[in-house]
Structure formats: structure tokens, C-alpha cells
Amino acid sequence: MIENIELSDDQKKRIEQYMLLFAKLQKNIVQDLYNNHNDSVIYKKFPKERVIKMFDNPQANERDLRELSGFLYQASTHYRRLVDYYATILLYNYTVVPTNLPLDINKEKYKNTYLNVIYLCEKYNLRQEAKKAIKMAIRDGVYYGLCYETDISFHIRPFDNRYAKISTIEDSCFRFAIDLEYFNGKSKDYIRDMYGNDILNAFIMYKGDKEKNIKGDKKKRWYEPPNGICIKADETDSVHSLPYFAGLAMSIFDIEDYSLLKKAKAENDNYKALAMKMITDEDGVPKMDYEMAMKYYDQASGNIPAGIGLIISPFDIQEFTFNKNSTAERDALIEAEENFYFSAGTSPLIFGSAKATSSSSLTLSVKPDEELAFSLLEQFQRFFNMKLKKMNLPYGFAIKFLDQSIFNRDEFINRYQKAASYGVSVKMQYAASLGLSPSDVEGMSYLEDEILGLGKTKWIHPLVSSNVQSGVNNDEGGRPTAEEKGEQIGDAGEKTRNTDGNDR
């Protein structure tokens, strides 16, 4: 699309350099299957005592805490659902808006620039990449990624956070440097080519190359890649990057402990024992020969199913039970699970709690969750807007994500629909709230109007609805419901609905 825009030679050079960075890596290798290399992270089990020591000095144990968070994400469904919830609560709908609108505009060039930007956004696959980045930022505390781009494809490869650190801030975006020791050693020879010529040249400048007569420089161990993107869970601390929910590790252990106790209780309840009493005389001497008694014992034990024990004793056996109430045990486990979500600042209602059923309380409780996810999405948005700025396009445009989540979806749609009907210039935002990307709107408008002629020959009348119908009135009367107006009903309204209070 770039050739359709009249650009200066300098602008074309900048764009080509940015877009063709690591162009040969259009297919990005994940694992080297031919040489049987596998660099997946091995999650190790973390004893509770070790975890307690980690929190004595979190900053000093930053790397261990990230490994712990990764282990919990793999081993605990509660932890995984919590992290995934914050990454999937947003819809990632976006639009492209103009910036720094000049007085003198060449309309044709302006339109071509806009089309170029929206096609770039489509190539960037913003929704998928943003969701992946936010999930890893919450899980690990920070997300380091390297962008690989050609004129037709784009991919962000996550970089091992054990070998990266935040180094600078550019245009309010965190930039990071990678430790080139990550690529050192013969076992890593195959990996260097996977990261492109830029990093390969930086590694040669650091370690040197005898064949090319290049002397290494140990001061160049840390290299800041120009194609790096960094998303941080806590923007207030640019030095340390701790997993956002690492503090919930002990709550996970509590859930595990209660689960094991419940399992042990169930196993003990299913276990039975039979006692064979040996009759004795007045002096306590068994009347039956020991070998004869063992013969009967062996005969009985051979016909007893699994889960039932057999003992032989001359004593009377009395049963004692330490059984707790099963409901109390179940409640203890549920309470541990709900305390886990409360400790995270997240409502247990989202994950199936039955203690409260009010939709209004749930609506209010998810607001802080949305704000956390939006703050991370804003970092992702700033990075790609900085990327657009560096292209020095003839006219300025910026990517803008809507503050739309799975909970306020209908609210946003109704808001933009009403604003658009009153003439406010939010038609693109309205389309975005419906899940359409800017290129979807442009492409489908052209297809429907210019190619298929749906708006000129076929669908020339509005679709049938209550707004355009006339004649017989089938309206049953009554004011619109809260759902019809895109509103949430309160506790009292919900109780009235459940009890059919308006029909009495």
C-alpha cells in the first residue's frame, strides 16, 4: 500500500527499514525439530517453605517469583482462570483516528494514507497480539517481545524474561535490553539465526569473530533491540517486574491443602475393617491353636474385597469416629477458593460463587478489573502509535482502542448508536463497538455498495422493525425493559422479576 502514497525518498526509506526489519523471518521458528532442540520452560515444583522465603525479599527473588507464577499458571486452574480472565475481559475493538489535522489537505493523499494505516493495523493482528501480551504481562509481571515484520506479515516473538531488563523509556513506552549471554555457547548456535541479523551482529560485536577478525567488546553485553515491545504490569516501578498475582501463592496452597483433606476424608470414610475375635479362657489364653486361627484368618482375608481390612485379636474392639460434618468440610474448601479471589481483588461471582446473585453488585465489582486491563492495553496502544509516528507518514493517524469489555458491550453499542443518530461523528466507533475493524468497514462498504449493490438495488428499504412499521399496532403496552434500554436492573428490580411481583 505504500506505493499508492506520494512520499519523499526519506519517508520511503524509513518505512522500508521499519517494515523489512528481519524480513527473512517471515516464518518464525518455535522449536528446532530437525536438531531435536527444545527450549520450553521446565516448571519445577515449589515447596511451601521456599515460597515463604521468597516473599521475605520479593525484589531479590524476582526471577524465582516469575518461575513460581509460571508454575502456578500451569498447575492451578484457579490461578490460570484468574490470569486469563484479566486478559480476556476486554474486546480489543479499535478504530483509527486522525491526529494533527493540517489546514491544507490533499484529499486523495489523505485517503490513501488512512487506507495504508488501517491495512497495517490489519496486518499487525492487534487483537490477538494484544491479548497475548497482556496475559503474559499479568502472569510474569512484564512482557518482552520482538516484532518481526515483512510487507505482508507480522509476528511478535516473546523473549525469555530471565535475560531481559527494562533499559529506557521512549515516547512513554518502556524499552528493554537483552542479555546477549543468552545466545552464548555452541548449544545456542541454531538460535541466533532465528532472531535475525540485527541481534546476530550485536552478538558478534559482543563476543567477537575470529574468522572476520572482529574483536569482542564485553561492554556490549546488553543490547537494546529496535524492534522490542515491553508491557509492564506495574508502571510505577520501572526497575522491578514482579508477577501481578504472585502474592496469591499461599492462597493456592490453602486450596490445595483443603482439597487433600477432603480427599483423605472421603478415602477414610470408604475404608472398613472386620475384626475376628479369638475366644480365650479365664486366664486369657486363646482356646484355639495359633496356626489354626491363622488358617481361618487367611481364608477370610482371601475373600475380602479391596478397601476392607481384616484383623484378629482377643480383645473386644470398640469403634471411635473423628468424622467431621461433610457440609462443614465442603464449606471450608469453598471458603478457601473464595478467599483466593477476594485476595486478588476480584469478585468470586465471576467464577461461580453462589453466595450472592445480584447482577448490580457484579457490575460494580468488575469496574476495577476493567481498569487494570485497560492500563495494560494503553501501553500496547502507545507502542503501535509510536511505530506509526516513526514512519513519518504524510498525515498523522493513531490507533485508539475502545474501553469496551465483555461486561459493558451493549452499553457501548447503545451509546455510540444514539450519538451517531444525532449526527455526532462516531460512526467508525459504532462499527468498532460491533466488533468491526476499520478495514472491515472499508472493505465491506465497498463490497456491498459498489460490487453487490445491496444498498442501491436490493436493500433500498430499511429492515423491518418497530421503528418503520405502521398500521396494526401489536404493541402490548408498557414501558421498555431495562435490557431494551441497555441498562442493568437493581437488586429490588431483580427480586421483583424473580417473584413475578408486577403480575400480581
Protein backbone atom coordinates (compact mmCIF):
# COMPACT_ATOMS: atom_id res chain seq x y z
CA MET A 1 0.00 0.00 0.00
CA ILE A 2 2.93 2.33 0.49
CA GLU A 3 3.49 2.81 -3.23
CA ASN A 4 -0.01 4.36 -3.54
CA ILE A 5 1.06 7.35 -1.43
CA GLU A 6 3.30 10.15 -2.60
CA LEU A 7 6.20 10.06 -0.15
CA SER A 8 9.58 11.62 -0.07
CA ASP A 9 12.62 9.43 -0.54
CA ASP A 10 13.49 9.81 3.14
CA GLN A 11 9.98 8.74 4.20
CA LYS A 12 10.07 5.71 1.92
CA LYS A 13 13.46 4.72 3.28
CA ARG A 14 12.27 4.97 6.89
CA ILE A 15 9.16 2.89 6.19
CA GLU A 16 11.04 0.24 4.27
CA GLN A 17 13.65 -0.04 7.02
CA TYR A 18 10.98 -0.42 9.66
CA MET A 19 8.80 -2.86 7.73
CA LEU A 20 11.58 -5.03 6.35
CA LEU A 21 13.37 -5.39 9.67
CA PHE A 22 14.14 -9.12 9.90
CA ALA A 23 12.13 -9.62 6.69
CA LYS A 24 13.64 -13.05 6.07
CA LEU A 25 11.99 -14.31 9.22
CA GLN A 26 8.52 -14.43 7.71
CA LYS A 27 8.27 -17.95 9.11
CA ASN A 28 9.40 -17.75 12.73
CA ILE A 29 10.75 -20.99 14.16
CA VAL A 30 9.35 -22.00 17.54
CA GLN A 31 11.30 -25.22 18.03
CA ASP A 32 14.20 -26.68 16.05
CA LEU A 33 12.69 -30.11 15.36
CA TYR A 34 15.41 -31.19 12.95
CA ASN A 35 18.18 -30.86 15.52
CA ASN A 36 15.94 -32.02 18.39
CA HIS A 37 16.24 -28.77 20.32
CA ASN A 38 13.51 -27.84 22.77
CA ASP A 39 13.69 -24.63 24.78
CA SER A 40 10.36 -24.83 26.56
CA VAL A 41 10.38 -23.67 30.17
CA ILE A 42 10.51 -26.54 32.67
CA TYR A 43 8.21 -25.79 35.58
CA LYS A 44 9.50 -27.07 38.86
CA LYS A 45 7.51 -27.77 41.97
CA PHE A 46 7.87 -25.14 44.65
CA PRO A 47 7.76 -26.27 48.30
CA LYS A 48 5.76 -24.02 50.59
CA GLU A 49 8.81 -23.25 52.75
CA ARG A 50 10.72 -21.97 49.72
CA VAL A 51 7.82 -19.76 48.67
CA ILE A 52 7.61 -18.19 52.14
CA LYS A 53 11.31 -17.29 51.95
CA MET A 54 10.78 -15.68 48.53
CA PHE A 55 8.38 -13.15 49.98
CA ASP A 56 10.86 -12.10 52.67
CA ASN A 57 12.59 -10.11 49.90
CA PRO A 58 10.48 -10.11 46.71
CA GLN A 59 12.81 -7.82 44.73
CA ALA A 60 15.80 -10.09 45.34
CA ASN A 61 13.74 -13.14 44.33
CA GLU A 62 12.15 -11.56 41.26
CA ARG A 63 13.27 -14.32 38.91
CA ASP A 64 12.11 -17.10 41.25
CA LEU A 65 8.73 -15.43 41.69
CA ARG A 66 8.24 -15.32 37.92
CA GLU A 67 9.05 -19.02 37.74
CA LEU A 68 6.59 -19.62 40.58
CA SER A 69 3.89 -17.69 38.74
CA GLY A 70 4.54 -19.74 35.61
CA PHE A 71 4.33 -22.95 37.62
CA LEU A 72 1.04 -21.90 39.25
CA TYR A 73 -0.36 -20.96 35.85
CA GLN A 74 0.34 -24.49 34.65
CA ALA A 75 -0.58 -26.37 37.83
CA SER A 76 -3.52 -24.42 39.28
CA THR A 77 -6.78 -24.00 37.40
CA HIS A 78 -7.76 -21.22 39.83
CA TYR A 79 -4.62 -19.21 39.06
CA ARG A 80 -4.91 -19.84 35.32
CA ARG A 81 -8.55 -18.74 35.22
CA LEU A 82 -7.72 -15.57 37.14
CA VAL A 83 -4.88 -14.58 34.77
CA ASP A 84 -6.88 -15.50 31.68
CA TYR A 85 -9.87 -13.54 32.99
CA TYR A 86 -7.95 -10.24 33.01
CA ALA A 87 -6.57 -10.93 29.54
CA THR A 88 -9.94 -11.82 28.04
CA ILE A 89 -12.20 -9.31 29.80
CA LEU A 90 -11.56 -6.75 27.03
CA LEU A 91 -12.93 -6.97 23.50
CA TYR A 92 -9.90 -5.24 21.93
CA ASN A 93 -12.09 -3.35 19.48
CA TYR A 94 -10.27 -0.40 17.94
CA THR A 95 -10.55 2.37 15.42
CA VAL A 96 -8.10 4.69 13.66
CA VAL A 97 -8.44 8.42 14.32
CA PRO A 98 -6.67 11.41 12.72
CA THR A 99 -4.10 13.47 14.65
CA ASN A 100 -2.61 16.92 13.96
CA LEU A 101 -5.09 17.68 11.20
CA PRO A 102 -3.47 20.30 8.89
CA LEU A 103 -5.36 23.18 7.26
CA ASP A 104 -4.32 22.30 3.73
CA ILE A 105 -5.17 18.68 2.87
CA ASN A 106 -4.73 16.74 -0.33
CA LYS A 107 -7.85 14.57 -0.09
CA GLU A 108 -6.55 11.80 -2.31
CA LYS A 109 -3.27 11.54 -0.42
CA TYR A 110 -5.13 11.81 2.89
CA LYS A 111 -7.41 8.91 1.96
CA ASN A 112 -4.53 6.76 0.75
CA THR A 113 -2.63 7.41 3.97
CA TYR A 114 -5.65 6.38 6.01
CA LEU A 115 -6.13 3.22 3.95
CA ASN A 116 -2.46 2.37 4.39
CA VAL A 117 -2.71 2.74 8.16
CA ILE A 118 -5.83 0.57 8.53
CA TYR A 119 -4.29 -2.15 6.37
CA LEU A 120 -1.16 -2.02 8.51
CA CYS A 121 -3.36 -2.45 11.59
CA GLU A 122 -4.96 -5.48 9.99
CA LYS A 123 -1.54 -6.92 9.28
CA TYR A 124 -0.44 -6.29 12.87
CA ASN A 125 -3.32 -8.50 14.10
CA LEU A 126 -3.73 -6.16 17.04
CA ARG A 127 -6.43 -8.09 18.86
CA GLN A 128 -4.58 -11.36 19.07
CA GLU A 129 -1.18 -9.85 19.81
CA ALA A 130 -2.61 -7.53 22.50
CA LYS A 131 -4.38 -10.37 24.26
CA LYS A 132 -1.23 -12.49 24.26
CA ALA A 133 0.93 -9.62 25.55
CA ILE A 134 -1.46 -8.70 28.38
CA LYS A 135 -1.81 -12.31 29.52
CA MET A 136 1.96 -12.75 29.77
CA ALA A 137 2.42 -9.33 31.42
CA ILE A 138 -0.02 -10.26 34.19
CA ARG A 139 1.41 -13.74 34.64
CA ASP A 140 5.10 -12.74 34.62
CA GLY A 141 4.89 -9.10 35.68
CA VAL A 142 6.40 -7.97 32.38
CA TYR A 143 6.18 -8.91 28.72
CA TYR A 144 9.19 -8.67 26.43
CA GLY A 145 8.56 -9.21 22.74
CA LEU A 146 10.45 -8.84 19.46
CA CYS A 147 8.49 -7.72 16.39
CA TYR A 148 9.18 -9.41 13.08
CA GLU A 149 7.64 -7.81 10.02
CA THR A 150 7.51 -8.02 6.27
CA ASP A 151 5.27 -6.14 3.88
CA ILE A 152 2.62 -8.88 4.21
CA SER A 153 3.09 -10.44 7.65
CA PHE A 154 3.73 -9.55 11.28
CA HIS A 155 4.58 -11.53 14.38
CA ILE A 156 5.69 -10.77 17.95
CA ARG A 157 8.02 -13.37 19.44
CA PRO A 158 8.10 -13.37 23.27
CA PHE A 159 11.62 -13.14 24.64
CA ASP A 160 12.84 -15.02 27.72
CA ASN A 161 12.30 -12.59 30.62
CA ARG A 162 15.24 -14.13 32.51
CA TYR A 163 17.59 -12.48 30.00
CA ALA A 164 15.99 -9.06 29.60
CA LYS A 165 15.67 -5.84 31.60
CA ILE A 166 13.93 -2.53 31.10
CA SER A 167 16.56 -0.08 29.92
CA THR A 168 14.94 3.17 28.68
CA ILE A 169 11.63 4.93 28.12
CA GLU A 170 10.81 6.31 24.69
CA ASP A 171 7.66 8.28 23.95
CA SER A 172 6.17 6.96 27.23
CA CYS A 173 6.92 3.39 26.11
CA PHE A 174 9.21 1.05 28.02
CA ARG A 175 12.18 -0.21 26.02
CA PHE A 176 14.23 -3.21 27.11
CA ALA A 177 17.72 -4.59 26.60
CA ILE A 178 18.55 -8.26 26.18
CA ASP A 179 21.49 -10.09 27.72
CA LEU A 180 23.49 -11.41 24.76
CA GLU A 181 24.83 -14.17 27.01
CA TYR A 182 21.53 -15.85 26.23
CA PHE A 183 22.96 -16.69 22.79
CA ASN A 184 26.38 -17.80 24.05
CA GLY A 185 27.59 -21.39 23.65
CA LYS A 186 27.54 -23.95 20.87
CA SER A 187 24.15 -25.25 22.01
CA LYS A 188 22.71 -21.84 21.10
CA ASP A 189 24.22 -21.61 17.61
CA TYR A 190 20.92 -22.55 15.99
CA ILE A 191 19.03 -19.92 17.96
CA ARG A 192 20.93 -16.85 16.78
CA ASP A 193 19.70 -17.07 13.20
CA MET A 194 16.13 -17.34 14.48
CA TYR A 195 16.36 -13.82 15.91
CA GLY A 196 17.60 -12.10 12.76
CA ASN A 197 20.71 -10.32 11.53
CA ASP A 198 20.33 -7.38 13.90
CA ILE A 199 20.77 -9.47 17.04
CA LEU A 200 23.32 -11.71 15.34
CA ASN A 201 25.51 -8.69 14.52
CA ALA A 202 25.14 -7.40 18.09
CA PHE A 203 26.28 -10.78 19.42
CA ILE A 204 29.33 -10.74 17.14
CA MET A 205 30.25 -7.25 18.35
CA TYR A 206 29.97 -8.55 21.94
CA LYS A 207 31.80 -11.91 21.62
CA GLY A 208 33.89 -11.20 18.53
CA ASP A 209 34.53 -13.31 15.42
CA LYS A 210 37.99 -14.67 14.66
CA GLU A 211 37.11 -15.52 11.06
CA LYS A 212 36.03 -11.95 10.36
CA ASN A 213 38.84 -10.54 12.50
CA ILE A 214 36.39 -8.80 14.85
CA LYS A 215 37.43 -8.30 18.45
CA GLY A 216 34.69 -8.64 21.04
CA ASP A 217 33.70 -5.91 23.50
CA LYS A 218 32.41 -7.07 26.90
CA LYS A 219 30.79 -3.68 27.46
CA LYS A 220 28.29 -4.51 24.69
CA ARG A 221 26.75 -7.43 26.57
CA TRP A 222 23.37 -5.67 26.85
CA TYR A 223 21.72 -4.79 23.58
CA GLU A 224 18.52 -2.79 23.10
CA PRO A 225 16.70 -4.17 20.02
CA PRO A 226 14.90 -1.52 17.95
CA ASN A 227 12.01 -3.92 17.34
CA GLY A 228 11.34 -4.62 21.02
CA ILE A 229 7.97 -4.13 22.74
CA CYS A 230 7.61 -4.11 26.52
CA ILE A 231 4.36 -4.26 28.52
CA LYS A 232 4.65 -3.91 32.30
CA ALA A 233 2.05 -4.90 34.88
CA ASP A 234 3.13 -2.16 37.32
CA GLU A 235 4.16 1.04 35.55
CA THR A 236 5.05 2.80 38.81
CA ASP A 237 8.21 0.72 39.27
CA SER A 238 10.42 0.65 36.20
CA VAL A 239 13.19 -1.34 37.91
CA HIS A 240 11.46 -4.40 39.32
CA SER A 241 8.90 -6.53 37.50
CA LEU A 242 7.04 -8.83 39.86
CA PRO A 243 4.14 -11.06 38.78
CA TYR A 244 0.90 -9.23 39.48
CA PHE A 245 -0.72 -12.10 41.39
CA ALA A 246 2.37 -13.77 42.85
CA GLY A 247 1.14 -12.88 46.35
CA LEU A 248 -1.71 -15.36 45.92
CA ALA A 249 0.64 -18.35 46.09
CA MET A 250 -0.19 -19.07 49.73
CA SER A 251 -3.91 -18.94 48.96
CA ILE A 252 -3.33 -21.55 46.25
CA PHE A 253 -1.60 -23.74 48.82
CA ASP A 254 -4.58 -23.33 51.16
CA ILE A 255 -6.93 -24.54 48.43
CA GLU A 256 -4.65 -27.49 47.77
CA ASP A 257 -4.48 -28.36 51.48
CA TYR A 258 -8.26 -28.33 51.88
CA SER A 259 -8.66 -30.40 48.72
CA LEU A 260 -6.24 -33.02 50.04
CA LEU A 261 -8.01 -33.10 53.41
CA LYS A 262 -11.35 -33.58 51.68
CA LYS A 263 -9.92 -36.38 49.56
CA ALA A 264 -8.35 -38.08 52.58
CA LYS A 265 -11.64 -37.81 54.44
CA ALA A 266 -13.51 -39.44 51.56
CA GLU A 267 -10.98 -42.26 51.39
CA ASN A 268 -11.16 -42.87 55.14
CA ASP A 269 -14.95 -42.91 55.05
CA ASN A 270 -14.85 -45.63 52.40
CA TYR A 271 -12.44 -47.80 54.38
CA LYS A 272 -13.88 -50.57 56.57
CA ALA A 273 -12.35 -53.08 58.95
CA LEU A 274 -13.54 -56.53 60.16
CA ALA A 275 -12.39 -57.92 63.49
CA MET A 276 -12.10 -61.66 64.19
CA LYS A 277 -12.14 -62.29 67.94
CA MET A 278 -10.17 -65.18 69.37
CA ILE A 279 -12.02 -66.77 72.31
CA THR A 280 -9.88 -67.11 75.44
CA ASP A 281 -10.24 -68.90 78.74
CA GLU A 282 -10.47 -67.27 82.14
CA ASP A 283 -6.73 -66.71 82.18
CA GLY A 284 -6.75 -65.02 78.75
CA VAL A 285 -5.17 -67.94 76.94
CA PRO A 286 -6.60 -68.48 73.43
CA LYS A 287 -8.64 -71.68 73.19
CA MET A 288 -7.75 -72.13 69.54
CA ASP A 289 -4.32 -73.07 68.29
CA TYR A 290 -2.49 -70.12 66.69
CA GLU A 291 -1.81 -71.95 63.43
CA MET A 292 -5.47 -72.95 63.18
CA ALA A 293 -6.52 -69.34 63.84
CA MET A 294 -4.20 -68.08 61.10
CA LYS A 295 -5.64 -70.64 58.72
CA TYR A 296 -9.13 -69.20 59.21
CA TYR A 297 -7.67 -65.67 59.02
CA ASP A 298 -6.01 -66.37 55.67
CA GLN A 299 -9.16 -67.98 54.37
CA ALA A 300 -11.26 -64.91 55.30
CA SER A 301 -8.76 -62.32 54.02
CA GLY A 302 -8.64 -64.03 50.66
CA ASN A 303 -12.32 -63.39 50.13
CA ILE A 304 -12.48 -59.74 51.22
CA PRO A 305 -12.71 -57.00 48.52
CA ALA A 306 -10.26 -54.12 48.33
CA GLY A 307 -10.88 -51.30 50.78
CA ILE A 308 -11.75 -53.63 53.68
CA GLY A 309 -9.16 -54.56 56.29
CA LEU A 310 -9.11 -57.66 58.49
CA ILE A 311 -7.63 -58.01 61.97
CA ILE A 312 -7.54 -60.79 64.56
CA SER A 313 -7.45 -60.02 68.26
CA PRO A 314 -8.51 -61.49 71.60
CA PHE A 315 -9.80 -58.10 72.69
CA ASP A 316 -13.21 -56.56 72.29
CA ILE A 317 -12.99 -53.76 69.69
CA GLN A 318 -14.97 -50.58 70.14
CA GLU A 319 -15.48 -48.09 67.31
CA PHE A 320 -14.39 -44.48 67.68
CA THR A 321 -15.08 -41.87 64.98
CA PHE A 322 -13.49 -38.49 64.34
CA ASN A 323 -15.70 -37.66 61.38
CA LYS A 324 -16.42 -34.00 60.80
CA ASN A 325 -19.61 -32.81 59.24
CA SER A 326 -19.21 -33.21 55.45
CA THR A 327 -21.03 -29.92 54.82
CA ALA A 328 -18.58 -28.05 57.04
CA GLU A 329 -15.63 -29.57 55.16
CA ARG A 330 -17.16 -28.63 51.84
CA ASP A 331 -17.78 -25.09 53.08
CA ALA A 332 -14.15 -24.81 54.22
CA LEU A 333 -12.93 -25.63 50.71
CA ILE A 334 -15.39 -23.19 49.11
CA GLU A 335 -14.33 -20.50 51.56
CA ALA A 336 -10.66 -21.06 50.69
CA GLU A 337 -11.48 -20.70 46.99
CA GLU A 338 -13.49 -17.53 47.53
CA ASN A 339 -10.76 -16.06 49.75
CA PHE A 340 -8.36 -16.61 46.86
CA TYR A 341 -10.45 -14.41 44.56
CA PHE A 342 -11.12 -11.85 47.29
CA SER A 343 -7.36 -11.60 47.90
CA ALA A 344 -6.93 -10.90 44.19
CA GLY A 345 -9.49 -8.09 44.41
CA THR A 346 -11.79 -9.97 42.05
CA SER A 347 -15.37 -10.95 42.72
CA PRO A 348 -15.89 -14.71 43.21
CA LEU A 349 -19.27 -14.25 41.48
CA ILE A 350 -17.48 -14.29 38.13
CA PHE A 351 -16.11 -17.76 38.81
CA GLY A 352 -19.29 -19.41 40.02
CA SER A 353 -19.79 -18.38 43.65
CA ALA A 354 -23.33 -18.95 44.91
CA LYS A 355 -23.19 -16.64 47.93
CA ALA A 356 -24.64 -13.67 46.08
CA THR A 357 -26.78 -13.40 42.97
CA SER A 358 -27.16 -9.65 42.45
CA SER A 359 -26.24 -8.55 38.93
CA SER A 360 -25.81 -4.94 40.08
CA SER A 361 -23.14 -5.90 42.61
CA LEU A 362 -21.34 -7.86 39.91
CA THR A 363 -21.49 -4.86 37.55
CA LEU A 364 -19.77 -2.65 40.12
CA SER A 365 -17.20 -5.27 41.12
CA VAL A 366 -15.83 -5.70 37.59
CA LYS A 367 -15.05 -1.99 37.12
CA PRO A 368 -11.63 -2.20 38.84
CA ASP A 369 -10.87 -5.34 36.84
CA GLU A 370 -11.57 -3.47 33.62
CA GLU A 371 -9.33 -0.58 34.66
CA LEU A 372 -6.38 -2.92 35.26
CA ALA A 373 -6.76 -4.49 31.83
CA PHE A 374 -7.23 -1.08 30.17
CA SER A 375 -4.00 0.24 31.72
CA LEU A 376 -2.06 -2.59 30.10
CA LEU A 377 -3.87 -2.14 26.80
CA GLU A 378 -2.90 1.55 26.79
CA GLN A 379 0.78 0.54 26.85
CA PHE A 380 0.20 -1.72 23.85
CA GLN A 381 -1.62 1.14 22.10
CA ARG A 382 1.22 3.61 22.79
CA PHE A 383 3.80 1.27 21.30
CA PHE A 384 1.99 0.90 17.98
CA ASN A 385 1.22 4.61 17.79
CA MET A 386 4.93 5.26 18.31
CA LYS A 387 5.56 2.80 15.49
CA LEU A 388 3.23 4.80 13.21
CA LYS A 389 4.95 8.05 14.17
CA LYS A 390 8.34 6.68 13.14
CA MET A 391 7.03 6.03 9.65
CA ASN A 392 6.66 9.82 9.11
CA LEU A 393 3.51 9.41 7.04
CA PRO A 394 2.16 12.47 5.17
CA TYR A 395 -0.77 12.72 7.60
CA GLY A 396 -0.95 11.62 11.19
CA PHE A 397 -3.24 8.83 12.38
CA ALA A 398 -3.40 6.96 15.67
CA ILE A 399 -4.83 3.66 16.84
CA LYS A 400 -7.44 4.00 19.57
CA PHE A 401 -8.83 1.01 21.47
CA LEU A 402 -12.33 1.34 22.87
CA ASP A 403 -12.81 0.98 26.62
CA GLN A 404 -15.17 -1.87 25.86
CA SER A 405 -15.30 -5.11 27.79
CA ILE A 406 -17.43 -8.23 27.80
CA PHE A 407 -19.50 -6.63 30.57
CA ASN A 408 -20.23 -3.21 29.01
CA ARG A 409 -20.51 -4.41 25.40
CA ASP A 410 -24.19 -3.49 24.93
CA GLU A 411 -23.76 -0.23 26.82
CA PHE A 412 -21.11 0.93 24.37
CA ILE A 413 -23.12 -0.15 21.34
CA ASN A 414 -26.20 1.77 22.52
CA ARG A 415 -24.13 4.83 23.42
CA TYR A 416 -22.49 5.12 20.00
CA GLN A 417 -25.71 4.24 18.18
CA LYS A 418 -27.57 7.08 19.88
CA ALA A 419 -24.71 9.53 19.35
CA ALA A 420 -24.46 8.61 15.66
CA SER A 421 -28.22 9.00 15.18
CA TYR A 422 -27.94 12.58 16.47
CA GLY A 423 -25.20 13.46 14.00
CA VAL A 424 -22.10 13.01 16.19
CA SER A 425 -19.12 11.78 14.13
CA VAL A 426 -18.79 8.39 15.80
CA LYS A 427 -19.86 6.06 13.01
CA MET A 428 -16.47 4.34 12.96
CA GLN A 429 -16.58 3.96 16.76
CA TYR A 430 -20.06 2.50 16.44
CA ALA A 431 -18.83 0.00 13.88
CA ALA A 432 -15.85 -0.81 16.11
CA SER A 433 -18.15 -1.44 19.09
CA LEU A 434 -19.88 -4.06 16.95
CA GLY A 435 -16.55 -5.84 16.50
CA LEU A 436 -15.68 -4.49 13.04
CA SER A 437 -12.15 -3.32 12.35
CA PRO A 438 -11.60 -0.17 10.22
CA SER A 439 -10.56 -2.34 7.28
CA ASP A 440 -13.72 -4.43 7.75
CA VAL A 441 -15.84 -1.29 7.46
CA GLU A 442 -13.96 -0.02 4.40
CA GLY A 443 -13.89 -3.37 2.64
CA MET A 444 -17.49 -4.39 3.36
CA SER A 445 -18.85 -0.94 2.44
CA TYR A 446 -17.16 -1.16 -0.94
CA LEU A 447 -18.27 -4.77 -1.45
CA GLU A 448 -21.91 -4.16 -0.51
CA ASP A 449 -22.38 -0.79 -2.26
CA GLU A 450 -20.08 -0.80 -5.29
CA ILE A 451 -19.83 -4.50 -6.14
CA LEU A 452 -23.05 -6.16 -4.93
CA GLY A 453 -25.19 -3.04 -4.97
CA LEU A 454 -27.05 -4.11 -1.85
CA GLY A 455 -27.70 -0.54 -0.76
CA LYS A 456 -28.77 0.63 -4.25
CA THR A 457 -30.86 -2.15 -5.76
CA LYS A 458 -31.72 -4.80 -3.18
CA TRP A 459 -31.84 -3.41 0.33
CA ILE A 460 -33.14 0.01 -0.59
CA HIS A 461 -35.72 -0.02 2.20
CA PRO A 462 -34.96 -0.14 5.92
CA LEU A 463 -35.12 -3.55 7.53
CA VAL A 464 -38.48 -4.22 9.17
CA SER A 465 -38.56 -3.10 12.78
CA SER A 466 -40.90 -1.35 15.19
CA ASN A 467 -39.37 1.96 14.11
CA VAL A 468 -40.57 1.65 10.49
CA GLN A 469 -43.75 -0.41 10.86
CA SER A 470 -47.19 1.19 10.50
CA GLY A 471 -50.79 0.00 10.52
CA VAL A 472 -51.86 -2.57 13.06
CA ASN A 473 -50.35 -1.94 16.43
CA ASN A 474 -49.26 -5.18 18.05
CA ASP A 475 -47.62 -3.43 20.96
CA GLU A 476 -48.72 -5.00 24.22
CA GLY A 477 -48.05 -1.77 26.07
CA GLY A 478 -45.79 -0.92 28.97
CA ARG A 479 -42.51 0.92 29.12
CA PRO A 480 -39.31 -0.57 27.64
CA THR A 481 -37.45 -3.06 29.79
CA ALA A 482 -34.02 -2.35 31.21
CA GLU A 483 -32.43 -4.77 28.71
CA GLU A 484 -34.14 -2.99 25.81
CA LYS A 485 -32.59 0.27 27.01
CA GLY A 486 -29.18 -1.35 27.57
CA GLU A 487 -29.33 -0.82 31.34
CA GLN A 488 -28.74 -3.02 34.38
CA ILE A 489 -31.59 -3.61 36.83
CA GLY A 490 -31.00 -3.16 40.55
CA ASP A 491 -31.39 -5.64 43.40
CA ALA A 492 -35.02 -4.67 44.01
CA GLY A 493 -35.90 -4.97 40.33
CA GLU A 494 -34.22 -8.35 40.08
CA LYS A 495 -36.15 -9.60 43.12
CA THR A 496 -39.42 -8.35 41.60
CA ARG A 497 -38.65 -10.17 38.34
CA ASN A 498 -37.82 -13.44 40.09
CA THR A 499 -41.04 -13.37 42.14
CA ASP A 500 -43.25 -12.05 39.27
CA GLY A 501 -44.14 -9.12 41.50
CA ASN A 502 -45.53 -7.00 38.63
CA ASP A 503 -48.09 -9.66 37.67
CA ARG A 504 -49.89 -9.59 40.99
